Amino acid sequence: MQESRINELLNLMRNGKSENERIMAALDLGEAQGERIVEALVGQLEVETSRAVQEAIISSLIKIRDRCVAESVAELLKSEDAYIRNAGVEILALIGDSALDVLEKMIKHPDKDVRQQAVVALGEGRLKAAPALLKRVIEEDEDENVVAAAIEYLGEIGCGKEDGEAIKRAARRFSSPFFDYTVKTAIGKLME
């Protein structure tokens, strides 16, 4: 795509008078590549007031689906806005292996809420490496809710005896009715 066309689309996405104009510009930007495009899309996603335009931006980021998208979108997991956080999870889950390295870093983030969002993206993305990463979260994370989320997803996508053993070890570290229920459900799914 020519630089002049990219500049025109960026301007339309940010300043288009009609919602439809901004939607079309955002969708067309999904045909382009590069850090500048990704940063513009993510930046606009955070400030855009139209859900329809935000959905177009999300679609374009998923279409671009490279490491730059994963790195930029990972920052959305820290947002105070639930819609933006959920959009970040959805994008990371859908772009697949492009997000793997970023998600591996995010499961070690100091903020437990960010770690939990990263676990959800891993579980929803069903990447080949997801079971091993979820098991690592179960074994190493100190927050009960983060571990419970990892257990829930490992119960859905795990397959080995080792997965069940990791879940049982976590059950000895945490004890609440919710956690016990999550462990029991996950073990039951692994046995199916």
N, C-alpha and C. Protein backbone atom coordinates (compact mmCIF):
# COMPACT_ATOMS: atom_id res chain seq x y z
N MET A 1 0.86 -1.17 0.00
CA MET A 1 0.00 0.00 0.00
C MET A 1 0.90 1.24 0.00
N GLN A 2 0.56 2.20 -0.79
CA GLN A 2 1.37 3.42 -0.91
C GLN A 2 1.28 4.26 0.36
N GLU A 3 2.37 4.96 0.64
CA GLU A 3 2.46 5.79 1.84
C GLU A 3 1.37 6.86 1.87
N SER A 4 1.07 7.45 0.71
CA SER A 4 0.04 8.50 0.66
C SER A 4 -1.33 7.93 1.01
N ARG A 5 -1.60 6.70 0.55
CA ARG A 5 -2.88 6.05 0.85
C ARG A 5 -2.95 5.71 2.35
N ILE A 6 -1.85 5.24 2.91
CA ILE A 6 -1.81 4.94 4.35
C ILE A 6 -2.09 6.20 5.15
N ASN A 7 -1.44 7.29 4.79
CA ASN A 7 -1.66 8.55 5.51
C ASN A 7 -3.11 9.00 5.41
N GLU A 8 -3.71 8.82 4.24
CA GLU A 8 -5.11 9.20 4.03
C GLU A 8 -6.02 8.35 4.93
N LEU A 9 -5.76 7.03 4.97
CA LEU A 9 -6.57 6.13 5.79
C LEU A 9 -6.41 6.43 7.28
N LEU A 10 -5.18 6.71 7.70
CA LEU A 10 -4.96 7.05 9.11
C LEU A 10 -5.73 8.30 9.48
N ASN A 11 -5.70 9.27 8.61
CA ASN A 11 -6.43 10.52 8.87
C ASN A 11 -7.94 10.27 8.92
N LEU A 12 -8.44 9.48 7.99
CA LEU A 12 -9.88 9.18 7.96
C LEU A 12 -10.31 8.39 9.21
N MET A 13 -9.47 7.43 9.63
CA MET A 13 -9.82 6.65 10.80
C MET A 13 -9.91 7.54 12.04
N ARG A 14 -9.01 8.48 12.15
CA ARG A 14 -8.97 9.35 13.32
C ARG A 14 -9.98 10.49 13.25
N ASN A 15 -10.18 11.03 12.06
CA ASN A 15 -10.94 12.27 11.93
C ASN A 15 -12.13 12.21 10.99
N GLY A 16 -12.45 11.02 10.48
CA GLY A 16 -13.58 10.92 9.56
C GLY A 16 -14.86 11.44 10.19
N LYS A 17 -15.63 12.15 9.41
CA LYS A 17 -16.85 12.78 9.94
C LYS A 17 -17.93 11.75 10.24
N SER A 18 -17.99 10.69 9.44
CA SER A 18 -19.03 9.69 9.69
C SER A 18 -18.41 8.41 10.25
N GLU A 19 -19.23 7.71 10.99
CA GLU A 19 -18.81 6.43 11.55
C GLU A 19 -18.41 5.47 10.44
N ASN A 20 -19.18 5.43 9.38
CA ASN A 20 -18.90 4.54 8.26
C ASN A 20 -17.54 4.83 7.63
N GLU A 21 -17.21 6.09 7.52
CA GLU A 21 -15.91 6.50 6.97
C GLU A 21 -14.77 5.95 7.84
N ARG A 22 -14.93 6.08 9.15
CA ARG A 22 -13.90 5.60 10.08
C ARG A 22 -13.81 4.08 10.07
N ILE A 23 -14.96 3.41 9.95
CA ILE A 23 -14.97 1.94 9.87
C ILE A 23 -14.22 1.48 8.63
N MET A 24 -14.53 2.04 7.49
CA MET A 24 -13.90 1.62 6.24
C MET A 24 -12.39 1.88 6.27
N ALA A 25 -12.00 3.02 6.82
CA ALA A 25 -10.57 3.33 6.92
C ALA A 25 -9.87 2.32 7.83
N ALA A 26 -10.47 2.00 8.97
CA ALA A 26 -9.88 1.03 9.89
C ALA A 26 -9.75 -0.34 9.24
N LEU A 27 -10.77 -0.76 8.52
CA LEU A 27 -10.73 -2.05 7.83
C LEU A 27 -9.67 -2.07 6.74
N ASP A 28 -9.57 -0.99 5.99
CA ASP A 28 -8.56 -0.92 4.93
C ASP A 28 -7.15 -0.95 5.49
N LEU A 29 -6.96 -0.39 6.67
CA LEU A 29 -5.64 -0.42 7.30
C LEU A 29 -5.22 -1.83 7.68
N GLY A 30 -6.16 -2.73 7.78
CA GLY A 30 -5.84 -4.13 8.05
C GLY A 30 -5.10 -4.80 6.90
N GLU A 31 -5.08 -4.15 5.74
CA GLU A 31 -4.34 -4.66 4.58
C GLU A 31 -2.89 -4.22 4.61
N ALA A 32 -2.55 -3.32 5.51
CA ALA A 32 -1.18 -2.78 5.59
C ALA A 32 -0.41 -3.52 6.68
N GLN A 33 0.86 -3.26 6.75
CA GLN A 33 1.74 -3.86 7.76
C GLN A 33 2.58 -2.76 8.39
N GLY A 34 3.20 -3.08 9.48
CA GLY A 34 4.19 -2.18 10.06
C GLY A 34 3.79 -1.63 11.41
N GLU A 35 4.81 -1.29 12.15
CA GLU A 35 4.64 -0.80 13.52
C GLU A 35 3.80 0.48 13.57
N ARG A 36 4.03 1.36 12.63
CA ARG A 36 3.28 2.62 12.60
C ARG A 36 1.78 2.38 12.48
N ILE A 37 1.39 1.46 11.62
CA ILE A 37 -0.02 1.13 11.41
C ILE A 37 -0.60 0.52 12.68
N VAL A 38 0.12 -0.45 13.25
CA VAL A 38 -0.36 -1.14 14.45
C VAL A 38 -0.53 -0.16 15.59
N GLU A 39 0.46 0.69 15.81
CA GLU A 39 0.37 1.67 16.89
C GLU A 39 -0.80 2.63 16.69
N ALA A 40 -1.04 3.02 15.44
CA ALA A 40 -2.17 3.91 15.16
C ALA A 40 -3.50 3.21 15.45
N LEU A 41 -3.61 1.95 15.03
CA LEU A 41 -4.84 1.20 15.28
C LEU A 41 -5.09 1.02 16.78
N VAL A 42 -4.06 0.62 17.51
CA VAL A 42 -4.21 0.41 18.95
C VAL A 42 -4.52 1.73 19.65
N GLY A 43 -3.84 2.78 19.26
CA GLY A 43 -4.10 4.10 19.84
C GLY A 43 -5.52 4.56 19.61
N GLN A 44 -6.02 4.34 18.40
CA GLN A 44 -7.39 4.74 18.10
C GLN A 44 -8.41 3.87 18.82
N LEU A 45 -8.09 2.59 18.97
CA LEU A 45 -8.98 1.68 19.70
C LEU A 45 -9.21 2.20 21.12
N GLU A 46 -8.19 2.74 21.74
CA GLU A 46 -8.29 3.21 23.12
C GLU A 46 -9.09 4.49 23.26
N VAL A 47 -9.16 5.31 22.22
CA VAL A 47 -9.87 6.59 22.33
C VAL A 47 -11.17 6.64 21.54
N GLU A 48 -11.39 5.68 20.68
CA GLU A 48 -12.57 5.68 19.82
C GLU A 48 -13.84 5.54 20.67
N THR A 49 -14.86 6.30 20.31
CA THR A 49 -16.11 6.27 21.06
C THR A 49 -17.17 5.37 20.41
N SER A 50 -16.98 5.00 19.17
CA SER A 50 -17.94 4.15 18.46
C SER A 50 -17.54 2.68 18.58
N ARG A 51 -18.44 1.85 19.10
CA ARG A 51 -18.16 0.41 19.20
C ARG A 51 -17.95 -0.20 17.82
N ALA A 52 -18.70 0.26 16.84
CA ALA A 52 -18.57 -0.29 15.48
C ALA A 52 -17.17 -0.02 14.92
N VAL A 53 -16.65 1.16 15.15
CA VAL A 53 -15.30 1.49 14.69
C VAL A 53 -14.28 0.67 15.49
N GLN A 54 -14.51 0.53 16.79
CA GLN A 54 -13.60 -0.29 17.60
C GLN A 54 -13.57 -1.73 17.09
N GLU A 55 -14.73 -2.27 16.72
CA GLU A 55 -14.79 -3.63 16.18
C GLU A 55 -14.02 -3.74 14.87
N ALA A 56 -14.09 -2.73 14.04
CA ALA A 56 -13.33 -2.72 12.77
C ALA A 56 -11.84 -2.70 13.06
N ILE A 57 -11.44 -1.92 14.04
CA ILE A 57 -10.02 -1.85 14.42
C ILE A 57 -9.55 -3.22 14.93
N ILE A 58 -10.36 -3.86 15.78
CA ILE A 58 -10.02 -5.18 16.29
C ILE A 58 -9.86 -6.16 15.13
N SER A 59 -10.77 -6.12 14.18
CA SER A 59 -10.69 -7.01 13.02
C SER A 59 -9.39 -6.80 12.25
N SER A 60 -8.99 -5.55 12.08
CA SER A 60 -7.76 -5.26 11.36
C SER A 60 -6.53 -5.74 12.11
N LEU A 61 -6.52 -5.56 13.41
CA LEU A 61 -5.38 -6.03 14.20
C LEU A 61 -5.27 -7.56 14.13
N ILE A 62 -6.40 -8.24 14.17
CA ILE A 62 -6.39 -9.70 14.04
C ILE A 62 -5.89 -10.11 12.66
N LYS A 63 -6.27 -9.36 11.66
CA LYS A 63 -5.85 -9.67 10.29
C LYS A 63 -4.34 -9.48 10.11
N ILE A 64 -3.79 -8.43 10.71
CA ILE A 64 -2.35 -8.18 10.60
C ILE A 64 -1.57 -9.26 11.34
N ARG A 65 -2.00 -9.63 12.51
CA ARG A 65 -1.57 -10.75 13.35
C ARG A 65 -0.08 -11.02 13.43
N ASP A 66 0.72 -10.01 13.59
CA ASP A 66 2.16 -10.24 13.73
C ASP A 66 2.63 -9.95 15.15
N ARG A 67 3.91 -10.11 15.38
CA ARG A 67 4.47 -9.91 16.72
C ARG A 67 4.27 -8.48 17.19
N CYS A 68 4.34 -7.53 16.28
CA CYS A 68 4.13 -6.13 16.64
C CYS A 68 2.71 -5.94 17.21
N VAL A 69 1.75 -6.60 16.61
CA VAL A 69 0.37 -6.54 17.12
C VAL A 69 0.34 -7.11 18.53
N ALA A 70 0.95 -8.27 18.72
CA ALA A 70 0.95 -8.90 20.05
C ALA A 70 1.57 -7.99 21.10
N GLU A 71 2.70 -7.38 20.78
CA GLU A 71 3.38 -6.51 21.75
C GLU A 71 2.53 -5.27 22.08
N SER A 72 1.94 -4.67 21.07
CA SER A 72 1.13 -3.46 21.30
C SER A 72 -0.16 -3.79 22.04
N VAL A 73 -0.80 -4.87 21.64
CA VAL A 73 -2.08 -5.25 22.23
C VAL A 73 -1.91 -5.73 23.68
N ALA A 74 -0.77 -6.32 24.00
CA ALA A 74 -0.53 -6.77 25.38
C ALA A 74 -0.68 -5.62 26.36
N GLU A 75 -0.36 -4.43 25.94
CA GLU A 75 -0.51 -3.26 26.81
C GLU A 75 -1.97 -2.99 27.15
N LEU A 76 -2.89 -3.44 26.29
CA LEU A 76 -4.32 -3.23 26.53
C LEU A 76 -4.80 -4.02 27.75
N LEU A 77 -4.09 -5.07 28.11
CA LEU A 77 -4.48 -5.87 29.27
C LEU A 77 -4.40 -5.07 30.57
N LYS A 78 -3.71 -3.95 30.53
CA LYS A 78 -3.56 -3.08 31.71
C LYS A 78 -4.62 -2.00 31.77
N SER A 79 -5.47 -1.91 30.76
CA SER A 79 -6.46 -0.83 30.67
C SER A 79 -7.48 -0.90 31.81
N GLU A 80 -7.93 0.27 32.22
CA GLU A 80 -9.02 0.36 33.21
C GLU A 80 -10.37 0.04 32.57
N ASP A 81 -10.46 0.17 31.25
CA ASP A 81 -11.69 -0.06 30.50
C ASP A 81 -11.85 -1.55 30.20
N ALA A 82 -12.90 -2.17 30.73
CA ALA A 82 -13.11 -3.61 30.56
C ALA A 82 -13.23 -4.00 29.09
N TYR A 83 -13.88 -3.18 28.28
CA TYR A 83 -14.02 -3.49 26.86
C TYR A 83 -12.65 -3.56 26.20
N ILE A 84 -11.79 -2.61 26.52
CA ILE A 84 -10.45 -2.56 25.92
C ILE A 84 -9.63 -3.77 26.39
N ARG A 85 -9.70 -4.09 27.68
CA ARG A 85 -9.00 -5.28 28.19
C ARG A 85 -9.47 -6.54 27.47
N ASN A 86 -10.78 -6.68 27.35
CA ASN A 86 -11.34 -7.86 26.69
C ASN A 86 -10.97 -7.91 25.21
N ALA A 87 -10.89 -6.75 24.58
CA ALA A 87 -10.46 -6.70 23.18
C ALA A 87 -9.02 -7.19 23.08
N GLY A 88 -8.18 -6.78 24.03
CA GLY A 88 -6.80 -7.23 24.04
C GLY A 88 -6.71 -8.75 24.18
N VAL A 89 -7.51 -9.32 25.07
CA VAL A 89 -7.54 -10.77 25.26
C VAL A 89 -7.98 -11.45 23.97
N GLU A 90 -9.04 -10.94 23.36
CA GLU A 90 -9.57 -11.54 22.14
C GLU A 90 -8.53 -11.53 21.02
N ILE A 91 -7.89 -10.40 20.84
CA ILE A 91 -6.88 -10.29 19.78
C ILE A 91 -5.73 -11.25 20.04
N LEU A 92 -5.20 -11.25 21.26
CA LEU A 92 -4.08 -12.14 21.58
C LEU A 92 -4.46 -13.61 21.39
N ALA A 93 -5.68 -13.96 21.77
CA ALA A 93 -6.13 -15.34 21.61
C ALA A 93 -6.24 -15.73 20.13
N LEU A 94 -6.68 -14.80 19.30
CA LEU A 94 -6.93 -15.12 17.90
C LEU A 94 -5.72 -15.01 16.99
N ILE A 95 -4.68 -14.31 17.41
CA ILE A 95 -3.52 -14.20 16.50
C ILE A 95 -2.55 -15.35 16.67
N GLY A 96 -2.83 -16.23 17.59
CA GLY A 96 -2.10 -17.49 17.67
C GLY A 96 -0.65 -17.36 18.09
N ASP A 97 0.20 -18.12 17.41
CA ASP A 97 1.59 -18.22 17.81
C ASP A 97 2.34 -16.90 17.76
N SER A 98 1.84 -15.93 17.03
CA SER A 98 2.47 -14.60 17.02
C SER A 98 2.47 -13.99 18.41
N ALA A 99 1.54 -14.42 19.24
CA ALA A 99 1.41 -13.85 20.59
C ALA A 99 2.10 -14.68 21.66
N LEU A 100 2.62 -15.82 21.31
CA LEU A 100 3.13 -16.75 22.32
C LEU A 100 4.21 -16.15 23.21
N ASP A 101 5.24 -15.55 22.63
CA ASP A 101 6.32 -14.96 23.44
C ASP A 101 5.81 -13.85 24.35
N VAL A 102 4.91 -13.06 23.82
CA VAL A 102 4.35 -11.95 24.60
C VAL A 102 3.52 -12.49 25.76
N LEU A 103 2.70 -13.49 25.50
CA LEU A 103 1.88 -14.07 26.56
C LEU A 103 2.75 -14.74 27.62
N GLU A 104 3.84 -15.34 27.19
CA GLU A 104 4.75 -15.96 28.14
C GLU A 104 5.32 -14.92 29.10
N LYS A 105 5.59 -13.73 28.60
CA LYS A 105 6.06 -12.64 29.47
C LYS A 105 4.93 -12.12 30.36
N MET A 106 3.73 -12.02 29.80
CA MET A 106 2.62 -11.44 30.54
C MET A 106 2.15 -12.31 31.70
N ILE A 107 2.38 -13.63 31.65
CA ILE A 107 1.97 -14.47 32.77
C ILE A 107 2.89 -14.27 33.98
N LYS A 108 3.94 -13.47 33.80
CA LYS A 108 4.85 -13.15 34.91
C LYS A 108 4.73 -11.68 35.32
N HIS A 109 3.76 -10.98 34.77
CA HIS A 109 3.58 -9.55 35.05
C HIS A 109 3.33 -9.33 36.55
N PRO A 110 3.81 -8.22 37.11
CA PRO A 110 3.60 -7.97 38.54
C PRO A 110 2.12 -7.80 38.94
N ASP A 111 1.29 -7.36 38.02
CA ASP A 111 -0.13 -7.13 38.31
C ASP A 111 -0.91 -8.43 38.10
N LYS A 112 -1.54 -8.92 39.16
CA LYS A 112 -2.27 -10.19 39.09
C LYS A 112 -3.41 -10.14 38.07
N ASP A 113 -4.04 -8.97 37.91
CA ASP A 113 -5.14 -8.87 36.94
C ASP A 113 -4.62 -9.03 35.51
N VAL A 114 -3.46 -8.49 35.23
CA VAL A 114 -2.85 -8.65 33.91
C VAL A 114 -2.48 -10.11 33.69
N ARG A 115 -1.93 -10.75 34.72
CA ARG A 115 -1.59 -12.18 34.60
C ARG A 115 -2.84 -13.01 34.30
N GLN A 116 -3.93 -12.67 34.98
CA GLN A 116 -5.17 -13.43 34.76
C GLN A 116 -5.68 -13.22 33.33
N GLN A 117 -5.60 -12.01 32.81
CA GLN A 117 -6.01 -11.76 31.43
C GLN A 117 -5.13 -12.54 30.44
N ALA A 118 -3.84 -12.62 30.74
CA ALA A 118 -2.92 -13.39 29.88
C ALA A 118 -3.28 -14.88 29.91
N VAL A 119 -3.67 -15.39 31.06
CA VAL A 119 -4.09 -16.78 31.18
C VAL A 119 -5.34 -17.02 30.33
N VAL A 120 -6.27 -16.09 30.37
CA VAL A 120 -7.49 -16.23 29.56
C VAL A 120 -7.14 -16.24 28.07
N ALA A 121 -6.25 -15.35 27.65
CA ALA A 121 -5.85 -15.32 26.24
C ALA A 121 -5.18 -16.64 25.85
N LEU A 122 -4.34 -17.17 26.72
CA LEU A 122 -3.69 -18.47 26.44
C LEU A 122 -4.73 -19.57 26.31
N GLY A 123 -5.65 -19.62 27.26
CA GLY A 123 -6.66 -20.66 27.24
C GLY A 123 -7.61 -20.56 26.07
N GLU A 124 -8.02 -19.35 25.75
CA GLU A 124 -8.94 -19.16 24.63
C GLU A 124 -8.25 -19.39 23.28
N GLY A 125 -6.96 -19.08 23.22
CA GLY A 125 -6.21 -19.25 21.97
C GLY A 125 -5.90 -20.70 21.64
N ARG A 126 -5.91 -21.53 22.67
CA ARG A 126 -5.66 -22.96 22.49
C ARG A 126 -4.39 -23.24 21.67
N LEU A 127 -3.35 -22.50 21.96
CA LEU A 127 -2.08 -22.70 21.29
C LEU A 127 -1.49 -24.04 21.72
N LYS A 128 -0.64 -24.59 20.88
CA LYS A 128 -0.02 -25.87 21.18
C LYS A 128 0.77 -25.80 22.50
N ALA A 129 1.40 -24.66 22.75
CA ALA A 129 2.21 -24.50 23.96
C ALA A 129 1.39 -24.10 25.18
N ALA A 130 0.10 -23.85 25.01
CA ALA A 130 -0.73 -23.36 26.12
C ALA A 130 -0.75 -24.30 27.32
N PRO A 131 -0.93 -25.61 27.16
CA PRO A 131 -0.96 -26.46 28.35
C PRO A 131 0.30 -26.35 29.22
N ALA A 132 1.46 -26.31 28.60
CA ALA A 132 2.71 -26.20 29.37
C ALA A 132 2.78 -24.87 30.11
N LEU A 133 2.36 -23.79 29.46
CA LEU A 133 2.38 -22.48 30.10
C LEU A 133 1.35 -22.40 31.22
N LEU A 134 0.18 -22.95 30.99
CA LEU A 134 -0.85 -22.96 32.04
C LEU A 134 -0.38 -23.76 33.24
N LYS A 135 0.28 -24.88 32.98
CA LYS A 135 0.80 -25.70 34.08
C LYS A 135 1.86 -24.91 34.87
N ARG A 136 2.67 -24.13 34.16
CA ARG A 136 3.67 -23.31 34.85
C ARG A 136 2.99 -22.28 35.76
N VAL A 137 1.90 -21.66 35.26
CA VAL A 137 1.15 -20.71 36.08
C VAL A 137 0.61 -21.41 37.32
N ILE A 138 0.04 -22.58 37.14
CA ILE A 138 -0.53 -23.34 38.26
C ILE A 138 0.53 -23.63 39.31
N GLU A 139 1.71 -23.96 38.87
CA GLU A 139 2.78 -24.34 39.80
C GLU A 139 3.49 -23.16 40.44
N GLU A 140 3.54 -22.00 39.74
CA GLU A 140 4.37 -20.91 40.20
C GLU A 140 3.63 -19.67 40.70
N ASP A 141 2.44 -19.41 40.20
CA ASP A 141 1.76 -18.16 40.57
C ASP A 141 1.27 -18.24 42.01
N GLU A 142 1.29 -17.09 42.67
CA GLU A 142 0.90 -17.02 44.08
C GLU A 142 -0.53 -16.52 44.30
N ASP A 143 -1.22 -16.14 43.23
CA ASP A 143 -2.58 -15.62 43.38
C ASP A 143 -3.60 -16.72 43.09
N GLU A 144 -4.50 -16.90 44.01
CA GLU A 144 -5.51 -17.97 43.88
C GLU A 144 -6.36 -17.82 42.63
N ASN A 145 -6.79 -16.61 42.31
CA ASN A 145 -7.65 -16.41 41.14
C ASN A 145 -6.92 -16.67 39.83
N VAL A 146 -5.66 -16.28 39.75
CA VAL A 146 -4.88 -16.54 38.54
C VAL A 146 -4.69 -18.04 38.37
N VAL A 147 -4.36 -18.73 39.46
CA VAL A 147 -4.18 -20.18 39.40
C VAL A 147 -5.50 -20.86 39.05
N ALA A 148 -6.59 -20.39 39.61
CA ALA A 148 -7.90 -20.99 39.30
C ALA A 148 -8.24 -20.84 37.82
N ALA A 149 -7.94 -19.69 37.23
CA ALA A 149 -8.19 -19.49 35.80
C ALA A 149 -7.34 -20.46 34.98
N ALA A 150 -6.09 -20.62 35.37
CA ALA A 150 -5.21 -21.55 34.64
C ALA A 150 -5.71 -22.98 34.77
N ILE A 151 -6.18 -23.34 35.96
CA ILE A 151 -6.71 -24.69 36.17
C ILE A 151 -7.95 -24.92 35.29
N GLU A 152 -8.81 -23.94 35.26
CA GLU A 152 -10.02 -24.07 34.44
C GLU A 152 -9.67 -24.35 32.98
N TYR A 153 -8.73 -23.58 32.43
CA TYR A 153 -8.35 -23.78 31.03
C TYR A 153 -7.56 -25.07 30.83
N LEU A 154 -6.69 -25.41 31.76
CA LEU A 154 -5.95 -26.66 31.62
C LEU A 154 -6.90 -27.85 31.66
N GLY A 155 -7.96 -27.75 32.45
CA GLY A 155 -8.97 -28.80 32.47
C GLY A 155 -9.63 -28.98 31.11
N GLU A 156 -9.75 -27.89 30.36
CA GLU A 156 -10.39 -27.95 29.04
C GLU A 156 -9.42 -28.43 27.96
N ILE A 157 -8.15 -28.01 28.03
CA ILE A 157 -7.24 -28.31 26.91
C ILE A 157 -6.09 -29.24 27.27
N GLY A 158 -5.94 -29.56 28.53
CA GLY A 158 -4.87 -30.46 28.93
C GLY A 158 -5.19 -31.89 28.56
N CYS A 159 -4.20 -32.74 28.64
CA CYS A 159 -4.48 -34.12 28.22
C CYS A 159 -3.69 -35.17 28.98
N GLY A 160 -2.71 -34.75 29.72
CA GLY A 160 -1.86 -35.76 30.34
C GLY A 160 -2.08 -35.93 31.82
N LYS A 161 -1.53 -37.02 32.33
CA LYS A 161 -1.58 -37.31 33.76
C LYS A 161 -0.85 -36.20 34.53
N GLU A 162 0.23 -35.68 33.93
CA GLU A 162 1.00 -34.60 34.57
C GLU A 162 0.13 -33.36 34.80
N ASP A 163 -0.77 -33.09 33.88
CA ASP A 163 -1.67 -31.94 34.03
C ASP A 163 -2.55 -32.11 35.26
N GLY A 164 -3.09 -33.31 35.42
CA GLY A 164 -3.93 -33.59 36.59
C GLY A 164 -3.14 -33.52 37.89
N GLU A 165 -1.90 -33.98 37.85
CA GLU A 165 -1.05 -33.93 39.05
C GLU A 165 -0.74 -32.49 39.44
N ALA A 166 -0.48 -31.63 38.45
CA ALA A 166 -0.21 -30.21 38.73
C ALA A 166 -1.43 -29.56 39.38
N ILE A 167 -2.60 -29.91 38.88
CA ILE A 167 -3.84 -29.36 39.45
C ILE A 167 -4.02 -29.83 40.89
N LYS A 168 -3.76 -31.11 41.14
CA LYS A 168 -3.90 -31.65 42.51
C LYS A 168 -2.91 -31.00 43.47
N ARG A 169 -1.69 -30.72 43.01
CA ARG A 169 -0.71 -30.04 43.86
C ARG A 169 -1.19 -28.63 44.21
N ALA A 170 -1.81 -27.95 43.25
CA ALA A 170 -2.34 -26.60 43.50
C ALA A 170 -3.45 -26.65 44.54
N ALA A 171 -4.21 -27.73 44.54
CA ALA A 171 -5.31 -27.87 45.51
C ALA A 171 -4.79 -27.92 46.94
N ARG A 172 -3.53 -28.29 47.10
CA ARG A 172 -2.94 -28.31 48.45
C ARG A 172 -2.44 -26.91 48.85
N ARG A 173 -2.24 -26.05 47.87
CA ARG A 173 -1.75 -24.69 48.16
C ARG A 173 -2.88 -23.71 48.48
N PHE A 174 -4.04 -23.92 47.88
CA PHE A 174 -5.16 -23.00 48.06
C PHE A 174 -6.38 -23.80 48.49
N SER A 175 -7.23 -23.16 49.30
CA SER A 175 -8.43 -23.86 49.73
C SER A 175 -9.55 -22.86 49.96
N SER A 176 -10.48 -22.87 49.06
CA SER A 176 -11.71 -22.10 49.22
C SER A 176 -12.78 -22.89 48.46
N PRO A 177 -14.03 -22.67 48.76
CA PRO A 177 -15.08 -23.42 48.04
C PRO A 177 -14.98 -23.24 46.52
N PHE A 178 -14.72 -22.01 46.07
CA PHE A 178 -14.60 -21.75 44.63
C PHE A 178 -13.41 -22.51 44.05
N PHE A 179 -12.28 -22.44 44.71
CA PHE A 179 -11.07 -23.10 44.21
C PHE A 179 -11.27 -24.62 44.18
N ASP A 180 -11.84 -25.15 45.24
CA ASP A 180 -12.09 -26.60 45.29
C ASP A 180 -13.01 -27.04 44.16
N TYR A 181 -14.04 -26.25 43.88
CA TYR A 181 -14.96 -26.57 42.79
C TYR A 181 -14.22 -26.53 41.44
N THR A 182 -13.37 -25.52 41.25
CA THR A 182 -12.62 -25.39 40.00
C THR A 182 -11.71 -26.60 39.80
N VAL A 183 -11.03 -27.01 40.85
CA VAL A 183 -10.14 -28.18 40.78
C VAL A 183 -10.95 -29.43 40.44
N LYS A 184 -12.05 -29.64 41.14
CA LYS A 184 -12.87 -30.84 40.91
C LYS A 184 -13.40 -30.87 39.47
N THR A 185 -13.86 -29.74 38.97
CA THR A 185 -14.37 -29.66 37.60
C THR A 185 -13.27 -29.95 36.58
N ALA A 186 -12.10 -29.35 36.77
CA ALA A 186 -10.99 -29.55 35.83
C ALA A 186 -10.52 -30.99 35.81
N ILE A 187 -10.40 -31.60 36.99
CA ILE A 187 -9.98 -33.00 37.07
C ILE A 187 -11.01 -33.88 36.36
N GLY A 188 -12.30 -33.58 36.55
CA GLY A 188 -13.35 -34.33 35.89
C GLY A 188 -13.25 -34.23 34.37
N LYS A 189 -12.95 -33.05 33.87
CA LYS A 189 -12.81 -32.88 32.42
C LYS A 189 -11.59 -33.61 31.89
N LEU A 190 -10.51 -33.61 32.64
CA LEU A 190 -9.31 -34.33 32.20
C LEU A 190 -9.55 -35.83 32.13
N MET A 191 -10.45 -36.33 32.97
CA MET A 191 -10.73 -37.78 33.02
C MET A 191 -11.63 -38.22 31.88
N GLU A 192 -12.35 -37.28 31.26
CA GLU A 192 -13.31 -37.64 30.20
C GLU A 192 -12.63 -38.26 29.00
